[in-house]
Amino acid sequence: MSEQNWEKIAASKRAALAEQIPTEYRVPKDLLPPDSQLDVTPWPKESNWFAPKELEITDSTASRILEQVASKTWSSEEVTRAFCKRAAAAQQLTNCLSDTFFDEAIETAKSLDDHLQRTGKVIGPLHGLPVSLKDNFNVAGKDSTVGFTSLANKPAEYNATLVDLLEKLGAVRYCKTNVPTAMMIAESVNNCFGRTVNPLNRKLTSGGSSGGESALITFGGSPLGVGTDIGGSLRIPAACTGIFTLRPSFGRFPTQRCRPGLAGQEAVHSVNGPMGKTLEDIAMYSKVIVDAQPWLVDPKMLPIPWRQVELKTKLKIAVLWNDGICLPTPPVTRALKETVEKLKQAGHDIVQWDPEHHAKALELLGRFFVADGGKSIETLLTPTGEPYRPEMVQYKDAKELGVHGLWQLHLERSEVQRQYLEQWMSYGGLDAILAPTTPYASVPHEHFKYVGYTGVYNIVDYSAVSFPCGVVVDKAKDKPAADYKSQTTFCQATRDSYDAELVHGMPVSLQLIANRLEEEKVLAMTATVLQAINA
């Protein structure tokens, strides 16, 4: 094939995606915000392009939408049409989608309305709720390119298990969202569809690899989306845009029949989880999925029913101020300090977490991802002559470990997991770790260099929630310290890319980490933390 073939395929895919948007959902040129308008989240209301009812629907939480549809106050069709329109606008302003199937979604919604009208009963607990899907969730007849031009125009022959489950629960699928190449970059950019930008500030990244999801949800184009996480790919984009997400332990939410970024790599499990605007929606979705008994359709899921949690009045929380590798930027450190102070005022027991095992865990994470010598990536780039993106250079230069070498890595990982648990237990009654989600609020494009605060919890497979803590960047308060000393090259790169003026006003997120398979507990504890913050 011609080495330029990838460019023709990419151009064709982008043109086809633009053509998929119905004429009535294409924003008139005179209403488009100027390129100089960085925050486009107010645009839906300011443009007068949306009807008041469309705005009311698309500004609602997932939980409220379900109530309104079940009570027949809103029809699933009008809800679906409203979100299709707003998702189309989000695509035109942020480039967050990789596929749309609006007509099919509207037909599904009509069918749901008909069922409710005839029987007086909903299909399931997600009846009539539009749910957006990250690109790697296979939908029969649709592409799952995960950013590679060689996977374009090769539609999936079957649905991912979760996609089938969502349909049985009554959800409406209507679009898929953009990801980075192989879903292995902390920003959502690829050679096929290009770069997704942050709707809160289009000069900043919406994160990755679930950055299309975070941009769509933040803009109001989705009430609830599903992303995946192998090194922070749920938590990083949620933090970049100030929304909520749950990174579950492996075994709670079905993962089979998706398109993987590194096919066959199971040393670090990819997990999927919900992304949304409220913690209530994240908890609602999580319970619904587990209540559907996914272990009956996915052999790797654990038969653990959703559990009721009764928390202690006083939580014991260890704070990770600095992982010893990369200092958080000033607004993130301030957010930690302010949150800790409020937790103390609420009577919770605060101790300090020693990141003694973090460097080793992160070293292992990086080595696992390139253990095949980059062959998985090369195999998908070669057929169309697609070049390596600069963010993927480590895969180009990687050396294959071989089976024995990989097995030795497995032993090292197991030991780190044992040591981390031993340290956790040594704190005596520890409930959670409070940490930065990332060192940043967000960063300019091409500057997301460090995933250490999330990646360590993929190695130990702990449950974690990323949540906006109520702090926003203040350029007057969040100036770099005069006595700043870099700990590593990651630390220096983070310091060099920090621009208080550019990120002024951006939300800051933190993450709360529970032990393995404690999804119910970490959600309940996050609610307690938010209660202290908002007291």
Protein backbone atom coordinates (compact mmCIF):
# COMPACT_ATOMS: atom_id res chain seq x y z
CA MET A 1 0.00 0.00 0.00
CA SER A 2 1.00 3.58 -0.52
CA GLU A 3 2.60 5.11 2.55
CA GLN A 4 0.14 7.98 2.19
CA ASN A 5 -2.86 5.68 2.21
CA TRP A 6 -3.50 6.38 5.89
CA GLU A 7 -4.09 10.05 5.13
CA LYS A 8 -6.75 9.24 2.53
CA ILE A 9 -8.51 6.87 4.93
CA ALA A 10 -8.41 9.44 7.74
CA ALA A 11 -9.78 12.18 5.50
CA SER A 12 -12.53 9.86 4.31
CA LYS A 13 -13.49 8.87 7.87
CA ARG A 14 -13.63 12.48 9.04
CA ALA A 15 -15.75 13.45 6.05
CA ALA A 16 -18.11 10.51 6.65
CA LEU A 17 -18.47 11.44 10.32
CA ALA A 18 -19.36 15.02 9.39
CA GLU A 19 -21.86 13.76 6.83
CA GLN A 20 -23.55 11.57 9.45
CA ILE A 21 -24.74 14.64 11.32
CA PRO A 22 -28.27 15.43 10.07
CA THR A 23 -28.78 18.79 8.41
CA GLU A 24 -31.03 19.97 11.23
CA TYR A 25 -28.25 19.27 13.75
CA ARG A 26 -25.59 21.27 11.91
CA VAL A 27 -24.94 24.55 13.66
CA PRO A 28 -25.47 27.53 11.34
CA LYS A 29 -22.16 29.24 10.63
CA ASP A 30 -23.37 32.56 12.00
CA LEU A 31 -24.14 30.90 15.35
CA LEU A 32 -20.84 29.09 15.78
CA PRO A 33 -18.73 30.54 18.60
CA PRO A 34 -15.52 32.21 17.41
CA ASP A 35 -12.25 30.30 17.78
CA SER A 36 -11.29 32.88 20.40
CA GLN A 37 -14.11 31.66 22.68
CA LEU A 38 -12.28 29.06 24.73
CA ASP A 39 -15.10 28.05 27.11
CA VAL A 40 -17.96 26.81 24.94
CA THR A 41 -20.04 25.26 27.72
CA PRO A 42 -22.30 28.39 27.98
CA TRP A 43 -22.87 28.35 24.21
CA PRO A 44 -25.93 26.03 24.14
CA LYS A 45 -27.89 28.53 26.23
CA GLU A 46 -26.38 31.68 24.75
CA SER A 47 -26.84 30.66 21.11
CA ASN A 48 -30.64 30.31 21.25
CA TRP A 49 -30.22 27.34 18.92
CA PHE A 50 -31.75 24.97 21.45
CA ALA A 51 -35.39 25.10 22.52
CA PRO A 52 -36.01 25.58 26.27
CA LYS A 53 -37.25 21.98 26.56
CA GLU A 54 -34.10 20.65 24.86
CA LEU A 55 -31.97 22.60 27.32
CA GLU A 56 -33.98 21.39 30.30
CA ILE A 57 -33.56 17.78 29.20
CA THR A 58 -29.86 17.95 28.34
CA ASP A 59 -29.01 19.89 31.50
CA SER A 60 -30.68 17.22 33.67
CA THR A 61 -28.95 14.43 35.56
CA ALA A 62 -29.31 10.84 34.39
CA SER A 63 -31.32 10.00 37.50
CA ARG A 64 -33.83 12.78 36.83
CA ILE A 65 -34.18 11.77 33.18
CA LEU A 66 -35.03 8.22 34.21
CA GLU A 67 -37.70 9.52 36.61
CA GLN A 68 -39.20 11.82 33.99
CA VAL A 69 -39.33 9.11 31.33
CA ALA A 70 -40.74 6.45 33.69
CA SER A 71 -43.50 8.85 34.77
CA LYS A 72 -44.24 9.64 31.08
CA THR A 73 -43.51 13.33 31.73
CA TRP A 74 -40.90 13.11 28.99
CA SER A 75 -40.82 10.56 26.19
CA SER A 76 -37.68 8.62 25.47
CA GLU A 77 -37.88 9.93 21.92
CA GLU A 78 -37.75 13.60 22.90
CA VAL A 79 -34.94 12.89 25.35
CA THR A 80 -32.97 11.02 22.70
CA ARG A 81 -33.53 13.70 20.05
CA ALA A 82 -32.36 16.40 22.47
CA PHE A 83 -29.15 14.57 23.29
CA CYS A 84 -28.47 13.70 19.64
CA LYS A 85 -28.71 17.39 18.80
CA ARG A 86 -26.47 18.47 21.67
CA ALA A 87 -23.96 15.69 20.92
CA ALA A 88 -23.86 16.89 17.31
CA ALA A 89 -23.09 20.40 18.55
CA ALA A 90 -20.42 19.04 20.88
CA GLN A 91 -18.76 17.32 17.94
CA GLN A 92 -18.73 20.50 15.88
CA LEU A 93 -17.19 22.49 18.75
CA THR A 94 -14.83 19.97 20.37
CA ASN A 95 -14.32 17.04 17.94
CA CYS A 96 -15.34 14.51 20.60
CA LEU A 97 -17.10 11.79 18.56
CA SER A 98 -15.90 8.86 16.45
CA ASP A 99 -19.32 7.62 15.28
CA THR A 100 -23.00 8.51 15.45
CA PHE A 101 -26.14 6.45 14.94
CA PHE A 102 -28.84 8.97 15.74
CA ASP A 103 -31.54 7.49 13.48
CA GLU A 104 -31.17 4.07 15.07
CA ALA A 105 -31.27 5.64 18.52
CA ILE A 106 -34.51 7.46 17.77
CA GLU A 107 -36.10 4.23 16.52
CA THR A 108 -35.01 2.48 19.72
CA ALA A 109 -36.48 5.31 21.78
CA LYS A 110 -39.79 5.08 19.91
CA SER A 111 -39.90 1.37 20.63
CA LEU A 112 -39.29 2.01 24.34
CA ASP A 113 -42.06 4.60 24.42
CA ASP A 114 -44.43 2.18 22.73
CA HIS A 115 -43.64 -0.53 25.28
CA LEU A 116 -44.20 1.83 28.20
CA GLN A 117 -47.46 3.07 26.71
CA ARG A 118 -48.78 -0.47 26.08
CA THR A 119 -47.68 -2.15 29.30
CA GLY A 120 -47.29 0.69 31.76
CA LYS A 121 -43.87 -0.78 32.64
CA VAL A 122 -40.31 0.18 31.81
CA ILE A 123 -38.03 -2.29 30.00
CA GLY A 124 -35.41 -1.98 32.72
CA PRO A 125 -33.85 0.45 35.21
CA LEU A 126 -32.14 2.46 32.42
CA HIS A 127 -35.31 2.71 30.29
CA GLY A 128 -34.99 5.56 27.83
CA LEU A 129 -31.61 6.88 29.01
CA PRO A 130 -29.16 7.81 26.23
CA VAL A 131 -25.74 6.38 27.12
CA SER A 132 -22.63 7.35 25.17
CA LEU A 133 -19.88 4.79 24.60
CA LYS A 134 -16.14 5.05 24.27
CA ASP A 135 -14.95 4.04 20.81
CA ASN A 136 -13.59 0.64 21.89
CA PHE A 137 -17.02 -0.74 22.86
CA ASN A 138 -17.95 -2.89 19.89
CA VAL A 139 -21.35 -2.19 18.38
CA ALA A 140 -22.31 -4.59 15.60
CA GLY A 141 -22.06 -2.90 12.21
CA LYS A 142 -19.99 0.03 13.53
CA ASP A 143 -16.26 0.67 13.50
CA SER A 144 -14.08 0.46 16.59
CA THR A 145 -10.93 2.05 15.22
CA VAL A 146 -9.34 2.96 18.59
CA GLY A 147 -7.55 5.63 16.59
CA PHE A 148 -5.95 3.44 13.88
CA THR A 149 -6.65 4.05 10.20
CA SER A 150 -6.08 0.33 9.52
CA LEU A 151 -9.21 -0.45 11.60
CA ALA A 152 -11.39 2.06 9.75
CA ASN A 153 -14.24 0.69 7.64
CA LYS A 154 -14.04 -2.69 9.37
CA PRO A 155 -17.29 -2.80 11.34
CA ALA A 156 -17.62 -5.05 14.38
CA GLU A 157 -19.47 -8.32 13.87
CA TYR A 158 -20.87 -8.39 17.40
CA ASN A 159 -21.67 -6.20 20.38
CA ALA A 160 -19.48 -5.90 23.42
CA THR A 161 -21.04 -7.75 26.36
CA LEU A 162 -21.70 -4.48 28.16
CA VAL A 163 -23.44 -3.04 25.09
CA ASP A 164 -25.85 -5.99 25.06
CA LEU A 165 -26.40 -5.63 28.80
CA LEU A 166 -27.16 -1.91 28.52
CA GLU A 167 -29.71 -2.63 25.80
CA LYS A 168 -31.47 -5.19 28.03
CA LEU A 169 -31.56 -2.61 30.81
CA GLY A 170 -33.34 -0.13 28.53
CA ALA A 171 -30.52 2.25 27.64
CA VAL A 172 -30.36 3.97 24.24
CA ARG A 173 -27.02 3.98 22.41
CA TYR A 174 -26.55 6.91 20.06
CA CYS A 175 -22.85 7.72 19.63
CA LYS A 176 -19.27 6.63 20.22
CA THR A 177 -16.52 8.93 21.43
CA ASN A 178 -12.98 9.71 20.36
CA VAL A 179 -9.86 8.19 21.92
CA PRO A 180 -6.07 8.42 21.48
CA THR A 181 -4.16 5.92 19.37
CA ALA A 182 -4.54 2.47 20.97
CA MET A 183 -6.06 4.26 23.98
CA MET A 184 -2.56 4.53 25.42
CA ILE A 185 -2.08 8.32 25.59
CA ALA A 186 -3.38 10.67 28.31
CA GLU A 187 -4.82 12.99 25.63
CA SER A 188 -7.47 12.06 23.06
CA VAL A 189 -5.69 12.52 19.75
CA ASN A 190 -5.07 10.15 16.86
CA ASN A 191 -4.19 10.19 13.17
CA CYS A 192 -7.69 9.11 12.13
CA PHE A 193 -10.06 11.59 13.79
CA GLY A 194 -7.69 14.20 15.14
CA ARG A 195 -7.72 15.90 18.53
CA THR A 196 -10.56 16.33 21.01
CA VAL A 197 -10.43 19.62 22.91
CA ASN A 198 -11.69 20.58 26.35
CA PRO A 199 -15.06 22.38 26.17
CA LEU A 200 -14.15 24.40 29.29
CA ASN A 201 -11.07 25.74 27.52
CA ARG A 202 -10.34 24.63 23.99
CA LYS A 203 -6.63 25.36 24.40
CA LEU A 204 -6.50 22.60 27.02
CA THR A 205 -6.84 18.82 26.80
CA SER A 206 -9.93 16.92 27.86
CA GLY A 207 -7.60 14.08 28.86
CA GLY A 208 -7.39 10.50 27.73
CA SER A 209 -7.99 7.93 26.87
CA SER A 210 -11.71 8.52 27.58
CA GLY A 211 -11.36 12.18 26.59
CA GLY A 212 -14.12 12.10 23.99
CA GLU A 213 -16.47 11.00 26.75
CA SER A 214 -15.37 13.69 29.18
CA ALA A 215 -15.71 16.43 26.56
CA LEU A 216 -19.16 15.22 25.46
CA ILE A 217 -20.51 14.94 29.01
CA THR A 218 -19.08 18.29 30.10
CA PHE A 219 -20.64 20.01 27.10
CA GLY A 220 -24.01 18.45 27.94
CA GLY A 221 -24.12 16.05 25.00
CA SER A 222 -24.47 12.97 27.20
CA PRO A 223 -26.14 12.39 30.55
CA LEU A 224 -23.96 9.37 31.26
CA GLY A 225 -21.11 7.72 29.42
CA VAL A 226 -18.94 4.63 29.73
CA GLY A 227 -15.17 4.77 29.43
CA THR A 228 -12.26 2.50 30.29
CA ASP A 229 -9.18 2.73 32.49
CA ILE A 230 -5.84 0.93 32.26
CA GLY A 231 -3.56 3.65 33.64
CA GLY A 232 -5.95 6.46 34.47
CA SER A 233 -8.09 6.62 31.33
CA LEU A 234 -11.32 7.26 33.24
CA ARG A 235 -9.94 9.39 36.04
CA ILE A 236 -7.61 11.63 34.02
CA PRO A 237 -10.28 12.90 31.56
CA ALA A 238 -12.81 13.23 34.38
CA ALA A 239 -10.32 15.40 36.27
CA CYS A 240 -9.49 17.51 33.20
CA THR A 241 -13.15 18.49 32.83
CA GLY A 242 -14.41 18.39 36.43
CA ILE A 243 -16.83 15.46 36.25
CA PHE A 244 -17.21 12.26 38.30
CA THR A 245 -16.07 8.74 37.53
CA LEU A 246 -15.51 5.38 39.21
CA ARG A 247 -12.51 3.22 38.41
CA PRO A 248 -13.69 -0.21 39.62
CA SER A 249 -11.53 -3.19 40.40
CA PHE A 250 -11.44 -5.85 37.73
CA GLY A 251 -14.32 -8.27 38.07
CA ARG A 252 -17.26 -5.95 38.78
CA PHE A 253 -18.27 -4.56 35.34
CA PRO A 254 -18.20 -6.76 32.18
CA THR A 255 -15.21 -6.19 29.92
CA GLN A 256 -15.31 -8.88 27.23
CA ARG A 257 -15.73 -8.43 23.46
CA CYS A 258 -14.36 -4.88 23.42
CA ARG A 259 -11.64 -3.72 21.04
CA PRO A 260 -8.41 -3.62 23.10
CA GLY A 261 -5.60 -1.15 22.57
CA LEU A 262 -2.97 -3.80 23.30
CA ALA A 263 -4.71 -7.05 22.40
CA GLY A 264 -3.93 -9.89 24.78
CA GLN A 265 -2.20 -7.71 27.39
CA GLU A 266 -3.70 -8.86 30.69
CA ALA A 267 -0.89 -8.16 33.14
CA VAL A 268 -2.67 -4.87 33.88
CA HIS A 269 -6.39 -5.29 33.39
CA SER A 270 -8.42 -2.66 31.58
CA VAL A 271 -11.66 -1.93 33.42
CA ASN A 272 -14.67 0.12 32.42
CA GLY A 273 -16.77 2.49 34.43
CA PRO A 274 -19.32 5.31 34.29
CA MET A 275 -18.62 9.00 33.76
CA GLY A 276 -21.18 11.64 34.69
CA LYS A 277 -21.94 15.01 36.21
CA THR A 278 -23.03 13.78 39.64
CA LEU A 279 -21.90 11.17 42.13
CA GLU A 280 -25.53 10.05 42.43
CA ASP A 281 -25.56 9.08 38.74
CA ILE A 282 -22.28 7.15 39.07
CA ALA A 283 -23.63 5.21 42.05
CA MET A 284 -26.98 4.57 40.34
CA TYR A 285 -25.34 3.16 37.21
CA SER A 286 -22.89 1.02 39.19
CA LYS A 287 -25.64 -0.62 41.22
CA VAL A 288 -27.75 -1.23 38.11
CA ILE A 289 -24.89 -2.99 36.31
CA VAL A 290 -23.98 -5.22 39.26
CA ASP A 291 -27.65 -5.97 39.99
CA ALA A 292 -27.88 -7.30 36.40
CA GLN A 293 -25.54 -10.14 37.48
CA PRO A 294 -22.86 -9.68 34.80
CA TRP A 295 -21.08 -12.83 36.01
CA LEU A 296 -23.79 -14.79 34.19
CA VAL A 297 -22.61 -13.45 30.81
CA ASP A 298 -18.92 -12.64 31.38
CA PRO A 299 -16.88 -15.53 32.85
CA LYS A 300 -14.27 -13.17 34.30
CA MET A 301 -16.76 -11.25 36.44
CA LEU A 302 -17.02 -12.03 40.14
CA PRO A 303 -20.41 -13.06 41.57
CA ILE A 304 -20.48 -10.26 44.15
CA PRO A 305 -23.95 -8.68 44.51
CA TRP A 306 -24.21 -4.94 45.20
CA ARG A 307 -23.66 -4.44 48.92
CA GLN A 308 -25.13 -1.91 51.34
CA VAL A 309 -22.40 0.01 53.16
CA GLU A 310 -22.61 1.48 56.64
CA LEU A 311 -19.67 3.79 57.17
CA LYS A 312 -18.09 4.68 60.48
CA THR A 313 -18.95 8.17 61.71
CA LYS A 314 -15.25 9.02 61.60
CA LEU A 315 -13.25 7.89 58.57
CA LYS A 316 -9.52 7.26 58.69
CA ILE A 317 -8.03 8.77 55.54
CA ALA A 318 -4.37 8.81 54.51
CA VAL A 319 -3.33 11.77 52.37
CA LEU A 320 -0.91 11.38 49.48
CA TRP A 321 0.53 14.89 49.25
CA ASN A 322 3.32 14.04 46.83
CA ASP A 323 4.25 10.70 45.30
CA GLY A 324 7.96 11.48 45.41
CA ILE A 325 8.20 11.63 41.63
CA CYS A 326 6.08 14.56 40.46
CA LEU A 327 4.91 17.44 42.63
CA PRO A 328 1.30 18.50 41.99
CA THR A 329 0.83 21.95 40.49
CA PRO A 330 -0.13 24.74 42.96
CA PRO A 331 -3.92 24.55 42.53
CA VAL A 332 -3.94 20.79 43.13
CA THR A 333 -1.85 21.16 46.30
CA ARG A 334 -4.19 23.93 47.49
CA ALA A 335 -7.22 21.75 46.75
CA LEU A 336 -5.71 18.95 48.83
CA LYS A 337 -4.97 21.30 51.73
CA GLU A 338 -8.45 22.84 51.72
CA THR A 339 -10.15 19.45 51.47
CA VAL A 340 -8.06 18.00 54.28
CA GLU A 341 -8.87 20.97 56.50
CA LYS A 342 -12.59 20.48 55.94
CA LEU A 343 -12.32 16.76 56.64
CA LYS A 344 -10.55 17.53 59.92
CA GLN A 345 -13.26 20.02 60.83
CA ALA A 346 -15.84 17.30 60.18
CA GLY A 347 -14.07 15.06 62.68
CA HIS A 348 -12.32 12.61 60.37
CA ASP A 349 -8.94 11.11 61.23
CA ILE A 350 -6.28 12.31 58.79
CA VAL A 351 -2.87 10.68 58.48
CA GLN A 352 -0.12 10.85 55.84
CA TRP A 353 0.45 8.20 53.16
CA ASP A 354 4.03 7.22 52.46
CA PRO A 355 4.44 6.56 48.70
CA GLU A 356 7.27 4.09 49.27
CA HIS A 357 6.03 1.63 46.63
CA HIS A 358 4.83 4.08 43.98
CA ALA A 359 8.01 4.37 41.94
CA LYS A 360 8.28 0.59 41.58
CA ALA A 361 4.59 0.24 40.67
CA LEU A 362 4.90 2.87 37.96
CA GLU A 363 8.07 1.33 36.58
CA LEU A 364 6.20 -1.97 36.25
CA LEU A 365 3.25 -0.28 34.56
CA GLY A 366 5.49 1.19 31.88
CA ARG A 367 7.36 -2.07 31.32
CA PHE A 368 4.16 -4.09 30.97
CA PHE A 369 2.83 -1.79 28.25
CA VAL A 370 5.88 -2.29 26.01
CA ALA A 371 6.62 -5.92 26.93
CA ASP A 372 5.76 -7.09 23.39
CA GLY A 373 8.39 -4.79 21.92
CA GLY A 374 5.69 -2.54 20.51
CA LYS A 375 4.53 -5.22 18.05
CA SER A 376 0.83 -4.71 18.82
CA ILE A 377 1.09 -1.05 17.80
CA GLU A 378 3.36 -1.68 14.81
CA THR A 379 1.01 -4.36 13.48
CA LEU A 380 -1.85 -1.87 13.33
CA LEU A 381 0.18 1.04 11.93
CA THR A 382 1.94 -0.86 9.14
CA PRO A 383 -0.97 -1.84 6.82
CA THR A 384 -1.76 1.78 5.93
CA GLY A 385 1.70 3.26 6.37
CA GLU A 386 0.47 5.25 9.34
CA PRO A 387 3.32 6.93 11.25
CA TYR A 388 3.91 6.76 14.99
CA ARG A 389 2.52 9.79 16.75
CA PRO A 390 5.16 11.56 18.88
CA GLU A 391 3.32 10.47 22.04
CA MET A 392 3.85 6.82 21.04
CA VAL A 393 7.61 6.87 20.57
CA GLN A 394 8.21 4.49 23.50
CA TYR A 395 6.42 1.75 21.54
CA LYS A 396 8.57 2.34 18.49
CA ASP A 397 11.78 1.96 20.49
CA ALA A 398 10.66 -0.92 22.75
CA LYS A 399 12.47 -4.26 22.99
CA GLU A 400 10.44 -7.46 23.36
CA LEU A 401 10.81 -9.16 26.75
CA GLY A 402 9.93 -12.70 25.80
CA VAL A 403 7.79 -15.07 27.85
CA HIS A 404 10.32 -15.64 30.62
CA GLY A 405 10.95 -11.92 31.03
CA LEU A 406 7.21 -11.24 31.21
CA TRP A 407 6.76 -13.93 33.84
CA GLN A 408 9.43 -12.28 35.94
CA LEU A 409 7.51 -9.01 35.68
CA HIS A 410 4.40 -10.81 36.91
CA LEU A 411 6.33 -11.90 39.99
CA GLU A 412 7.50 -8.34 40.63
CA ARG A 413 3.93 -7.06 40.26
CA SER A 414 2.56 -9.62 42.71
CA GLU A 415 5.18 -8.62 45.26
CA VAL A 416 4.34 -4.92 44.90
CA GLN A 417 0.67 -5.76 45.36
CA ARG A 418 1.51 -7.69 48.53
CA GLN A 419 3.68 -4.87 49.87
CA TYR A 420 1.04 -2.24 49.15
CA LEU A 421 -1.62 -4.22 50.99
CA GLU A 422 0.75 -4.83 53.89
CA GLN A 423 1.40 -1.09 54.12
CA TRP A 424 -2.33 -0.34 53.97
CA MET A 425 -3.03 -2.77 56.82
CA SER A 426 -0.19 -1.31 58.89
CA TYR A 427 -2.17 1.92 59.25
CA GLY A 428 -4.76 0.11 61.39
CA GLY A 429 -8.35 0.62 60.29
CA LEU A 430 -7.50 2.74 57.24
CA ASP A 431 -10.57 3.49 55.11
CA ALA A 432 -9.17 5.37 52.14
CA ILE A 433 -6.34 7.31 50.54
CA LEU A 434 -7.01 10.87 49.36
CA ALA A 435 -4.73 11.89 46.49
CA PRO A 436 -4.48 14.12 43.45
CA THR A 437 -6.06 12.54 40.39
CA THR A 438 -3.35 14.17 38.30
CA PRO A 439 -0.71 16.80 39.05
CA TYR A 440 -2.74 19.20 36.91
CA ALA A 441 -6.18 20.77 36.64
CA SER A 442 -5.61 20.36 32.90
CA VAL A 443 -2.73 21.14 30.58
CA PRO A 444 -2.20 22.61 27.10
CA HIS A 445 -2.35 20.08 24.28
CA GLU A 446 0.73 17.86 23.98
CA HIS A 447 1.82 18.55 27.57
CA PHE A 448 0.21 15.72 29.58
CA LYS A 449 3.37 13.90 30.67
CA TYR A 450 2.62 12.17 33.98
CA VAL A 451 0.03 9.52 34.89
CA GLY A 452 1.64 8.33 38.12
CA TYR A 453 -1.11 9.32 40.52
CA THR A 454 -3.60 7.13 38.68
CA GLY A 455 -1.39 4.37 37.26
CA VAL A 456 -0.25 2.98 40.61
CA TYR A 457 -3.83 2.00 41.42
CA ASN A 458 -4.12 0.05 38.18
CA ILE A 459 -1.17 -2.06 39.28
CA VAL A 460 -2.72 -2.83 42.69
CA ASP A 461 -6.27 -2.87 41.21
CA TYR A 462 -7.90 -0.67 43.85
CA SER A 463 -11.31 1.00 43.55
CA ALA A 464 -11.14 4.78 43.07
CA VAL A 465 -13.44 7.73 42.48
CA SER A 466 -12.26 10.95 40.84
CA PHE A 467 -14.39 13.90 41.90
CA PRO A 468 -14.39 17.70 41.52
CA CYS A 469 -13.59 19.03 44.99
CA GLY A 470 -15.06 22.52 44.56
CA VAL A 471 -11.73 24.28 44.08
CA VAL A 472 -11.03 26.15 40.85
CA VAL A 473 -7.68 27.46 39.71
CA ASP A 474 -7.03 31.02 40.83
CA LYS A 475 -4.11 32.66 39.05
CA ALA A 476 -3.63 35.02 42.01
CA LYS A 477 -3.50 32.23 44.60
CA ASP A 478 -1.90 29.47 42.57
CA LYS A 479 1.49 30.87 41.65
CA PRO A 480 4.49 28.53 41.57
CA ALA A 481 6.55 28.53 44.74
CA ALA A 482 9.74 30.59 44.58
CA ASP A 483 11.71 27.80 46.27
CA TYR A 484 10.47 25.07 43.89
CA LYS A 485 12.88 22.15 43.51
CA SER A 486 12.31 19.54 40.82
CA GLN A 487 12.26 15.89 41.97
CA THR A 488 12.55 14.28 38.51
CA THR A 489 12.32 15.11 34.82
CA PHE A 490 8.54 14.46 35.10
CA CYS A 491 8.42 17.01 37.87
CA GLN A 492 10.32 19.60 35.85
CA ALA A 493 8.13 19.05 32.78
CA THR A 494 5.04 19.55 34.93
CA ARG A 495 6.47 22.76 36.35
CA ASP A 496 7.46 24.02 32.89
CA SER A 497 3.99 23.41 31.42
CA TYR A 498 2.10 25.05 34.30
CA ASP A 499 0.47 28.29 33.15
CA ALA A 500 -1.69 29.81 35.89
CA GLU A 501 -3.12 32.34 33.47
CA LEU A 502 -4.22 29.68 30.97
CA VAL A 503 -5.80 27.29 33.49
CA HIS A 504 -7.41 30.06 35.58
CA GLY A 505 -10.98 29.06 36.44
CA MET A 506 -10.54 25.35 35.66
CA PRO A 507 -11.99 22.88 38.17
CA VAL A 508 -9.63 20.81 40.30
CA SER A 509 -10.35 17.15 41.02
CA LEU A 510 -9.02 14.75 43.63
CA GLN A 511 -9.37 10.99 43.90
CA LEU A 512 -10.44 8.84 46.80
CA ILE A 513 -9.03 5.31 46.78
CA ALA A 514 -10.46 2.34 48.66
CA ASN A 515 -9.09 -1.18 48.76
CA ARG A 516 -9.69 -3.75 46.06
CA LEU A 517 -13.33 -4.57 45.17
CA GLU A 518 -14.67 -1.85 47.47
CA GLU A 519 -16.72 0.04 44.86
CA GLU A 520 -19.72 0.46 47.15
CA LYS A 521 -17.54 1.75 49.97
CA VAL A 522 -15.54 4.22 47.89
CA LEU A 523 -18.73 5.72 46.46
CA ALA A 524 -20.22 6.08 49.94
CA MET A 525 -16.99 7.58 51.29
CA THR A 526 -16.82 10.06 48.43
CA ALA A 527 -20.33 11.22 49.37
CA THR A 528 -19.06 11.72 52.94
CA VAL A 529 -16.07 13.72 51.69
CA LEU A 530 -18.34 15.92 49.56
CA GLN A 531 -20.60 16.44 52.57
CA ALA A 532 -17.60 17.71 54.54
CA ILE A 533 -16.52 19.96 51.65
CA ASN A 534 -19.99 21.47 51.32
CA ALA A 535 -20.74 21.73 55.05
